[in-house]
């Protein structure tokens, strides 16, 4: 388990540099629009969008991981949008030790989301991946309430 946690943290450090940016290409903008469409459904339930987003490219077998600081008492939705090349996507959440956490998953064509309510405040890791399809531009946004 420690190896996984260390691997996850190292992967996060490397991935953060490549995805901690605002959407800039046409495909990333399209992916962001796709993510925002899905996130709008959570807005109807009182969730507010966090400022910013993470965008880049993900390939099958090469997930991206990022670190977020979450607060106990809040509920979160992590929403992932991609271009049609990413047919099936997944979003998963891990605690600071690399242990996968139970989330409320959602999957659709070129979109995925994970709902999560942390029991403790602190750092968490969000992994985004292509489960089926080809390399694709993606955008991850998250909402809270």
N, C-alpha and C. Protein backbone atom coordinates (compact mmCIF):
# COMPACT_ATOMS: atom_id res chain seq x y z
N UNK A 1 0.82 -1.19 0.00
CA UNK A 1 0.00 0.00 0.00
C UNK A 1 0.87 1.25 0.00
N UNK A 2 1.99 1.22 0.76
CA UNK A 2 2.86 2.39 0.79
C UNK A 2 3.45 2.67 -0.58
N UNK A 3 3.82 1.60 -1.31
CA UNK A 3 4.35 1.80 -2.66
C UNK A 3 3.33 2.48 -3.55
N UNK A 4 2.07 2.04 -3.44
CA UNK A 4 1.02 2.65 -4.25
C UNK A 4 0.89 4.12 -3.89
N UNK A 5 0.90 4.43 -2.58
CA UNK A 5 0.76 5.82 -2.15
C UNK A 5 1.91 6.66 -2.67
N UNK A 6 3.13 6.15 -2.58
CA UNK A 6 4.29 6.89 -3.08
C UNK A 6 4.19 7.04 -4.59
N UNK A 7 3.80 5.98 -5.28
CA UNK A 7 3.63 6.04 -6.73
C UNK A 7 2.56 7.05 -7.10
N UNK A 8 1.46 7.06 -6.35
CA UNK A 8 0.38 7.99 -6.62
C UNK A 8 0.84 9.42 -6.41
N UNK A 9 1.59 9.66 -5.35
CA UNK A 9 2.07 11.01 -5.07
C UNK A 9 3.07 11.46 -6.13
N UNK A 10 3.99 10.59 -6.51
CA UNK A 10 4.95 10.96 -7.57
C UNK A 10 4.23 11.20 -8.89
N UNK A 11 3.29 10.34 -9.20
CA UNK A 11 2.50 10.52 -10.41
C UNK A 11 1.76 11.84 -10.36
N UNK A 12 1.26 12.19 -9.18
CA UNK A 12 0.55 13.45 -9.02
C UNK A 12 1.48 14.62 -9.30
N UNK A 13 2.67 14.58 -8.74
CA UNK A 13 3.60 15.69 -8.94
C UNK A 13 3.92 15.87 -10.41
N UNK A 14 4.13 14.78 -11.12
CA UNK A 14 4.42 14.86 -12.55
C UNK A 14 3.20 15.28 -13.34
N UNK A 15 2.03 14.79 -12.97
CA UNK A 15 0.82 15.10 -13.72
C UNK A 15 0.37 16.52 -13.49
N UNK A 16 0.55 17.03 -12.30
CA UNK A 16 0.09 18.38 -11.99
C UNK A 16 0.68 19.40 -12.95
N UNK A 17 1.95 19.25 -13.28
CA UNK A 17 2.59 20.20 -14.18
C UNK A 17 1.93 20.19 -15.55
N UNK A 18 1.45 19.03 -15.97
CA UNK A 18 0.87 18.95 -17.31
C UNK A 18 -0.61 19.29 -17.36
N UNK A 19 -1.33 19.20 -16.23
CA UNK A 19 -2.77 19.44 -16.33
C UNK A 19 -3.27 20.63 -15.53
N UNK A 20 -2.47 21.22 -14.68
CA UNK A 20 -2.94 22.35 -13.89
C UNK A 20 -2.89 23.61 -14.72
N UNK A 21 -3.78 23.68 -15.69
CA UNK A 21 -3.83 24.84 -16.56
C UNK A 21 -5.26 25.05 -17.03
N UNK A 22 -5.49 26.19 -17.58
CA UNK A 22 -6.80 26.51 -18.12
C UNK A 22 -6.88 25.99 -19.55
N UNK A 23 -8.06 25.57 -19.96
CA UNK A 23 -8.26 25.07 -21.32
C UNK A 23 -7.80 26.11 -22.33
N UNK A 24 -6.97 25.67 -23.30
CA UNK A 24 -6.45 26.61 -24.28
C UNK A 24 -6.64 26.16 -25.72
N UNK A 25 -6.66 24.87 -26.00
CA UNK A 25 -6.85 24.42 -27.37
C UNK A 25 -8.35 24.31 -27.65
N UNK A 26 -8.70 24.23 -28.93
CA UNK A 26 -10.11 24.08 -29.30
C UNK A 26 -10.70 22.80 -28.69
N UNK A 27 -9.93 21.70 -28.72
CA UNK A 27 -10.41 20.45 -28.14
C UNK A 27 -10.60 20.56 -26.63
N UNK A 28 -9.70 21.26 -25.94
CA UNK A 28 -9.84 21.44 -24.50
C UNK A 28 -11.05 22.32 -24.17
N UNK A 29 -11.30 23.32 -25.01
CA UNK A 29 -12.49 24.16 -24.81
C UNK A 29 -13.75 23.33 -25.02
N UNK A 30 -13.75 22.48 -26.04
CA UNK A 30 -14.90 21.59 -26.28
C UNK A 30 -15.10 20.64 -25.10
N UNK A 31 -14.01 20.10 -24.57
CA UNK A 31 -14.09 19.21 -23.41
C UNK A 31 -14.64 19.95 -22.20
N UNK A 32 -14.22 21.21 -22.03
CA UNK A 32 -14.72 22.02 -20.91
C UNK A 32 -16.22 22.25 -21.05
N UNK A 33 -16.67 22.55 -22.26
CA UNK A 33 -18.10 22.75 -22.47
C UNK A 33 -18.89 21.48 -22.14
N UNK A 34 -18.34 20.33 -22.51
CA UNK A 34 -18.98 19.05 -22.19
C UNK A 34 -19.06 18.86 -20.68
N UNK A 35 -17.96 19.16 -19.97
CA UNK A 35 -17.95 19.03 -18.51
C UNK A 35 -18.95 20.01 -17.87
N UNK A 36 -19.00 21.23 -18.39
CA UNK A 36 -19.93 22.22 -17.82
C UNK A 36 -21.39 21.83 -18.01
N UNK A 37 -21.70 21.19 -19.13
CA UNK A 37 -23.08 20.73 -19.35
C UNK A 37 -23.49 19.75 -18.27
N UNK A 38 -22.62 18.80 -17.96
CA UNK A 38 -22.93 17.83 -16.91
C UNK A 38 -22.95 18.50 -15.54
N UNK A 39 -22.00 19.37 -15.28
CA UNK A 39 -21.93 20.04 -13.98
C UNK A 39 -23.17 20.90 -13.72
N UNK A 40 -23.80 21.37 -14.79
CA UNK A 40 -25.02 22.15 -14.64
C UNK A 40 -26.11 21.38 -13.92
N UNK A 41 -26.16 20.07 -14.13
CA UNK A 41 -27.15 19.24 -13.45
C UNK A 41 -26.92 19.27 -11.94
N UNK A 42 -25.66 19.30 -11.52
CA UNK A 42 -25.36 19.35 -10.08
C UNK A 42 -25.68 20.74 -9.53
N UNK A 43 -25.55 21.76 -10.37
CA UNK A 43 -25.92 23.11 -9.96
C UNK A 43 -27.39 23.20 -9.58
N UNK A 44 -28.23 22.40 -10.24
CA UNK A 44 -29.65 22.37 -9.91
C UNK A 44 -29.88 21.83 -8.51
N UNK A 45 -28.90 21.09 -7.97
CA UNK A 45 -29.00 20.55 -6.61
C UNK A 45 -28.26 21.43 -5.60
N UNK A 46 -27.88 22.64 -5.99
CA UNK A 46 -27.25 23.57 -5.06
C UNK A 46 -25.73 23.56 -5.06
N UNK A 47 -25.10 22.80 -5.95
CA UNK A 47 -23.64 22.79 -6.02
C UNK A 47 -23.14 24.02 -6.76
N UNK A 48 -22.04 24.59 -6.26
CA UNK A 48 -21.42 25.77 -6.88
C UNK A 48 -20.11 25.35 -7.52
N UNK A 49 -19.85 25.88 -8.71
CA UNK A 49 -18.59 25.57 -9.41
C UNK A 49 -17.42 26.25 -8.72
N UNK A 50 -16.34 25.53 -8.57
CA UNK A 50 -15.07 26.12 -8.12
C UNK A 50 -14.45 26.85 -9.29
N UNK A 51 -13.73 27.91 -9.01
CA UNK A 51 -13.01 28.63 -10.05
C UNK A 51 -11.93 27.74 -10.63
N UNK A 52 -11.68 27.89 -11.91
CA UNK A 52 -10.60 27.17 -12.56
C UNK A 52 -11.00 25.79 -13.00
N UNK A 53 -10.09 25.17 -13.73
CA UNK A 53 -10.29 23.81 -14.22
C UNK A 53 -8.92 23.25 -14.56
N UNK A 54 -8.90 21.96 -14.81
CA UNK A 54 -7.68 21.28 -15.22
C UNK A 54 -7.93 20.70 -16.60
N UNK A 55 -7.03 20.97 -17.51
CA UNK A 55 -7.22 20.51 -18.89
C UNK A 55 -5.92 19.96 -19.42
N UNK A 56 -6.04 19.11 -20.42
CA UNK A 56 -4.85 18.52 -21.03
C UNK A 56 -5.27 17.37 -21.91
N UNK A 57 -4.41 16.38 -22.02
CA UNK A 57 -4.67 15.20 -22.82
C UNK A 57 -4.46 13.97 -21.96
N UNK A 58 -5.38 13.00 -22.08
CA UNK A 58 -5.20 11.71 -21.41
C UNK A 58 -5.28 10.62 -22.47
N UNK A 59 -4.52 9.58 -22.22
CA UNK A 59 -4.47 8.44 -23.14
C UNK A 59 -4.86 7.18 -22.37
N UNK A 60 -5.40 6.19 -23.08
CA UNK A 60 -5.72 4.93 -22.41
C UNK A 60 -4.47 4.34 -21.73
N UNK A 61 -4.63 3.90 -20.50
CA UNK A 61 -3.52 3.32 -19.76
C UNK A 61 -2.57 4.34 -19.15
N UNK A 62 -2.85 5.64 -19.35
CA UNK A 62 -2.00 6.69 -18.79
C UNK A 62 -2.87 7.73 -18.08
N UNK A 63 -3.43 7.35 -16.92
CA UNK A 63 -4.31 8.28 -16.21
C UNK A 63 -3.54 9.50 -15.70
N UNK A 64 -4.29 10.54 -15.44
CA UNK A 64 -3.75 11.76 -14.83
C UNK A 64 -4.27 11.82 -13.40
N UNK A 65 -3.45 12.30 -12.49
CA UNK A 65 -3.82 12.40 -11.08
C UNK A 65 -3.51 13.81 -10.61
N UNK A 66 -4.43 14.38 -9.83
CA UNK A 66 -4.17 15.70 -9.27
C UNK A 66 -4.57 15.73 -7.81
N UNK A 67 -3.95 16.62 -7.09
CA UNK A 67 -4.23 16.76 -5.67
C UNK A 67 -5.18 17.93 -5.47
N UNK A 68 -6.16 17.73 -4.59
CA UNK A 68 -7.08 18.79 -4.20
C UNK A 68 -7.18 18.79 -2.68
N UNK A 69 -7.44 19.94 -2.12
CA UNK A 69 -7.69 20.05 -0.69
C UNK A 69 -9.19 20.14 -0.49
N UNK A 70 -9.74 19.20 0.27
CA UNK A 70 -11.17 19.15 0.50
C UNK A 70 -11.46 19.34 1.98
N UNK A 71 -12.70 19.75 2.27
CA UNK A 71 -13.08 20.06 3.63
C UNK A 71 -14.23 19.18 4.09
N UNK A 72 -14.08 18.62 5.30
CA UNK A 72 -15.13 17.82 5.90
C UNK A 72 -16.38 18.68 6.03
N UNK A 73 -17.52 18.08 5.81
CA UNK A 73 -18.78 18.81 5.90
C UNK A 73 -19.28 19.29 4.54
N UNK A 74 -18.40 19.34 3.55
CA UNK A 74 -18.81 19.72 2.20
C UNK A 74 -19.06 18.46 1.38
N UNK A 75 -19.83 18.61 0.34
CA UNK A 75 -20.02 17.57 -0.66
C UNK A 75 -19.40 18.08 -1.95
N UNK A 76 -18.83 17.18 -2.74
CA UNK A 76 -18.14 17.56 -3.97
C UNK A 76 -18.59 16.68 -5.13
N UNK A 77 -18.57 17.26 -6.33
CA UNK A 77 -18.71 16.50 -7.58
C UNK A 77 -17.54 16.87 -8.46
N UNK A 78 -16.79 15.88 -8.88
CA UNK A 78 -15.69 16.05 -9.83
C UNK A 78 -16.23 15.63 -11.20
N UNK A 79 -16.25 16.55 -12.13
CA UNK A 79 -16.88 16.33 -13.43
C UNK A 79 -15.83 16.39 -14.54
N UNK A 80 -15.78 15.34 -15.33
CA UNK A 80 -14.80 15.19 -16.40
C UNK A 80 -15.51 15.18 -17.74
N UNK A 81 -15.04 16.03 -18.64
CA UNK A 81 -15.55 16.05 -20.01
C UNK A 81 -14.41 15.83 -20.97
N UNK A 82 -14.69 15.23 -22.12
CA UNK A 82 -13.66 14.96 -23.12
C UNK A 82 -14.26 15.10 -24.51
N UNK A 83 -13.40 15.00 -25.49
CA UNK A 83 -13.87 14.96 -26.88
C UNK A 83 -14.41 13.56 -27.15
N UNK A 84 -15.15 13.37 -28.24
CA UNK A 84 -15.74 12.06 -28.53
C UNK A 84 -14.74 10.90 -28.64
N UNK A 85 -13.46 11.19 -28.86
CA UNK A 85 -12.46 10.12 -28.93
C UNK A 85 -12.38 9.35 -27.60
N UNK A 86 -12.66 10.02 -26.50
CA UNK A 86 -12.70 9.37 -25.18
C UNK A 86 -14.10 8.85 -24.94
N UNK A 87 -14.38 7.66 -25.43
CA UNK A 87 -15.74 7.11 -25.40
C UNK A 87 -16.24 6.86 -23.99
N UNK A 88 -15.38 6.28 -23.14
CA UNK A 88 -15.76 5.97 -21.77
C UNK A 88 -14.64 6.45 -20.85
N UNK A 89 -15.01 7.26 -19.87
CA UNK A 89 -14.06 7.87 -18.95
C UNK A 89 -14.38 7.43 -17.53
N UNK A 90 -13.44 7.64 -16.62
CA UNK A 90 -13.68 7.35 -15.21
C UNK A 90 -13.00 8.40 -14.34
N UNK A 91 -13.63 8.70 -13.22
CA UNK A 91 -13.09 9.60 -12.21
C UNK A 91 -13.10 8.82 -10.90
N UNK A 92 -11.98 8.81 -10.20
CA UNK A 92 -11.92 8.14 -8.90
C UNK A 92 -11.18 9.03 -7.91
N UNK A 93 -11.46 8.82 -6.62
CA UNK A 93 -10.91 9.66 -5.56
C UNK A 93 -10.15 8.77 -4.58
N UNK A 94 -9.00 9.28 -4.11
CA UNK A 94 -8.14 8.55 -3.17
C UNK A 94 -7.81 9.45 -1.98
N UNK A 95 -7.60 8.82 -0.82
CA UNK A 95 -7.16 9.60 0.34
C UNK A 95 -5.66 9.84 0.25
N UNK A 96 -5.11 10.50 1.25
CA UNK A 96 -3.69 10.88 1.20
C UNK A 96 -2.74 9.69 1.26
N UNK A 97 -3.24 8.51 1.64
CA UNK A 97 -2.39 7.32 1.65
C UNK A 97 -2.50 6.51 0.36
N UNK A 98 -3.36 6.95 -0.54
CA UNK A 98 -3.55 6.24 -1.80
C UNK A 98 -4.68 5.23 -1.77
N UNK A 99 -5.43 5.21 -0.68
CA UNK A 99 -6.55 4.28 -0.56
C UNK A 99 -7.73 4.80 -1.39
N UNK A 100 -8.28 3.95 -2.29
CA UNK A 100 -9.45 4.38 -3.07
C UNK A 100 -10.66 4.59 -2.16
N UNK A 101 -11.41 5.62 -2.43
CA UNK A 101 -12.57 5.95 -1.61
C UNK A 101 -13.86 5.70 -2.38
N UNK A 102 -14.90 5.39 -1.64
CA UNK A 102 -16.19 5.15 -2.26
C UNK A 102 -16.78 6.48 -2.72
N UNK A 103 -17.22 6.52 -3.96
CA UNK A 103 -17.84 7.72 -4.53
C UNK A 103 -19.15 7.33 -5.17
N UNK A 104 -19.92 8.33 -5.50
CA UNK A 104 -21.13 8.12 -6.30
C UNK A 104 -20.73 8.36 -7.75
N UNK A 105 -20.60 7.30 -8.54
CA UNK A 105 -20.09 7.46 -9.91
C UNK A 105 -21.20 7.81 -10.90
N UNK A 106 -20.78 8.46 -11.98
CA UNK A 106 -21.65 8.71 -13.12
C UNK A 106 -20.80 8.54 -14.38
N UNK A 107 -21.34 7.88 -15.38
CA UNK A 107 -20.66 7.75 -16.67
C UNK A 107 -21.65 7.94 -17.79
N UNK A 108 -21.21 8.63 -18.81
CA UNK A 108 -21.98 8.82 -20.02
C UNK A 108 -20.99 8.87 -21.18
N UNK A 109 -21.48 9.16 -22.36
CA UNK A 109 -20.60 9.25 -23.53
C UNK A 109 -19.68 10.46 -23.38
N UNK A 110 -18.39 10.23 -23.27
CA UNK A 110 -17.35 11.26 -23.17
C UNK A 110 -17.46 12.12 -21.91
N UNK A 111 -18.17 11.63 -20.89
CA UNK A 111 -18.25 12.32 -19.61
C UNK A 111 -18.21 11.30 -18.48
N UNK A 112 -17.76 11.76 -17.34
CA UNK A 112 -17.81 10.95 -16.12
C UNK A 112 -17.79 11.91 -14.95
N UNK A 113 -18.27 11.44 -13.81
CA UNK A 113 -18.26 12.26 -12.61
C UNK A 113 -18.20 11.35 -11.39
N UNK A 114 -17.75 11.93 -10.30
CA UNK A 114 -17.71 11.21 -9.03
C UNK A 114 -18.14 12.18 -7.93
N UNK A 115 -19.16 11.77 -7.16
CA UNK A 115 -19.61 12.55 -6.02
C UNK A 115 -18.95 12.01 -4.76
N UNK A 116 -18.57 12.93 -3.87
CA UNK A 116 -17.81 12.51 -2.70
C UNK A 116 -18.00 13.52 -1.57
N UNK A 117 -18.12 13.02 -0.33
CA UNK A 117 -18.21 13.85 0.86
C UNK A 117 -17.13 13.38 1.85
N UNK A 118 -16.04 14.12 1.99
CA UNK A 118 -14.95 13.68 2.86
C UNK A 118 -15.34 13.70 4.34
N UNK A 119 -14.82 12.73 5.06
CA UNK A 119 -15.03 12.66 6.51
C UNK A 119 -14.03 13.54 7.25
N UNK A 120 -12.89 13.80 6.61
CA UNK A 120 -11.85 14.62 7.23
C UNK A 120 -11.33 15.63 6.22
N UNK A 121 -10.96 16.79 6.68
CA UNK A 121 -10.37 17.81 5.80
C UNK A 121 -8.93 17.44 5.50
N UNK A 122 -8.48 17.78 4.30
CA UNK A 122 -7.09 17.52 3.95
C UNK A 122 -6.91 17.25 2.48
N UNK A 123 -5.72 16.75 2.13
CA UNK A 123 -5.43 16.48 0.72
C UNK A 123 -6.06 15.17 0.25
N UNK A 124 -6.58 15.21 -0.96
CA UNK A 124 -7.13 14.04 -1.63
C UNK A 124 -6.60 14.04 -3.06
N UNK A 125 -6.69 12.89 -3.70
CA UNK A 125 -6.20 12.75 -5.07
C UNK A 125 -7.34 12.31 -5.98
N UNK A 126 -7.45 12.97 -7.11
CA UNK A 126 -8.48 12.66 -8.09
C UNK A 126 -7.79 12.11 -9.33
N UNK A 127 -8.20 10.92 -9.75
CA UNK A 127 -7.62 10.29 -10.94
C UNK A 127 -8.66 10.32 -12.05
N UNK A 128 -8.21 10.76 -13.24
CA UNK A 128 -9.07 10.75 -14.42
C UNK A 128 -8.41 9.83 -15.45
N UNK A 129 -9.25 9.05 -16.14
CA UNK A 129 -8.68 8.10 -17.09
C UNK A 129 -9.65 7.78 -18.22
N UNK A 130 -9.07 7.35 -19.34
CA UNK A 130 -9.84 6.84 -20.47
C UNK A 130 -9.98 5.34 -20.27
N UNK A 131 -11.21 4.85 -20.15
CA UNK A 131 -11.47 3.42 -19.99
C UNK A 131 -11.63 2.76 -21.35
N UNK A 132 -12.24 3.50 -22.29
CA UNK A 132 -12.45 2.99 -23.64
C UNK A 132 -12.34 4.16 -24.61
N UNK A 133 -11.61 3.96 -25.67
CA UNK A 133 -11.45 5.00 -26.68
C UNK A 133 -9.99 5.31 -26.89
N UNK A 134 -9.75 6.44 -27.50
CA UNK A 134 -8.40 6.87 -27.86
C UNK A 134 -7.97 8.05 -27.00
N UNK A 135 -6.74 8.49 -27.19
CA UNK A 135 -6.26 9.70 -26.51
C UNK A 135 -7.23 10.84 -26.79
N UNK A 136 -7.44 11.66 -25.79
CA UNK A 136 -8.43 12.72 -25.93
C UNK A 136 -8.06 13.93 -25.09
N UNK A 137 -8.52 15.09 -25.54
CA UNK A 137 -8.44 16.28 -24.71
C UNK A 137 -9.49 16.12 -23.61
N UNK A 138 -9.17 16.62 -22.42
CA UNK A 138 -10.12 16.52 -21.32
C UNK A 138 -10.14 17.82 -20.54
N UNK A 139 -11.18 17.96 -19.74
CA UNK A 139 -11.27 19.06 -18.79
C UNK A 139 -11.96 18.53 -17.54
N UNK A 140 -11.38 18.81 -16.39
CA UNK A 140 -11.95 18.42 -15.10
C UNK A 140 -12.31 19.68 -14.34
N UNK A 141 -13.54 19.72 -13.87
CA UNK A 141 -13.99 20.82 -13.01
C UNK A 141 -14.62 20.19 -11.77
N UNK A 142 -14.73 21.00 -10.70
CA UNK A 142 -15.45 20.43 -9.58
C UNK A 142 -16.34 21.45 -8.89
N UNK A 143 -17.37 20.91 -8.27
CA UNK A 143 -18.42 21.68 -7.62
C UNK A 143 -18.48 21.28 -6.16
N UNK A 144 -19.04 22.16 -5.34
CA UNK A 144 -19.15 21.88 -3.90
C UNK A 144 -20.43 22.48 -3.34
N UNK A 145 -20.83 21.95 -2.22
CA UNK A 145 -21.90 22.58 -1.42
C UNK A 145 -21.77 22.14 0.02
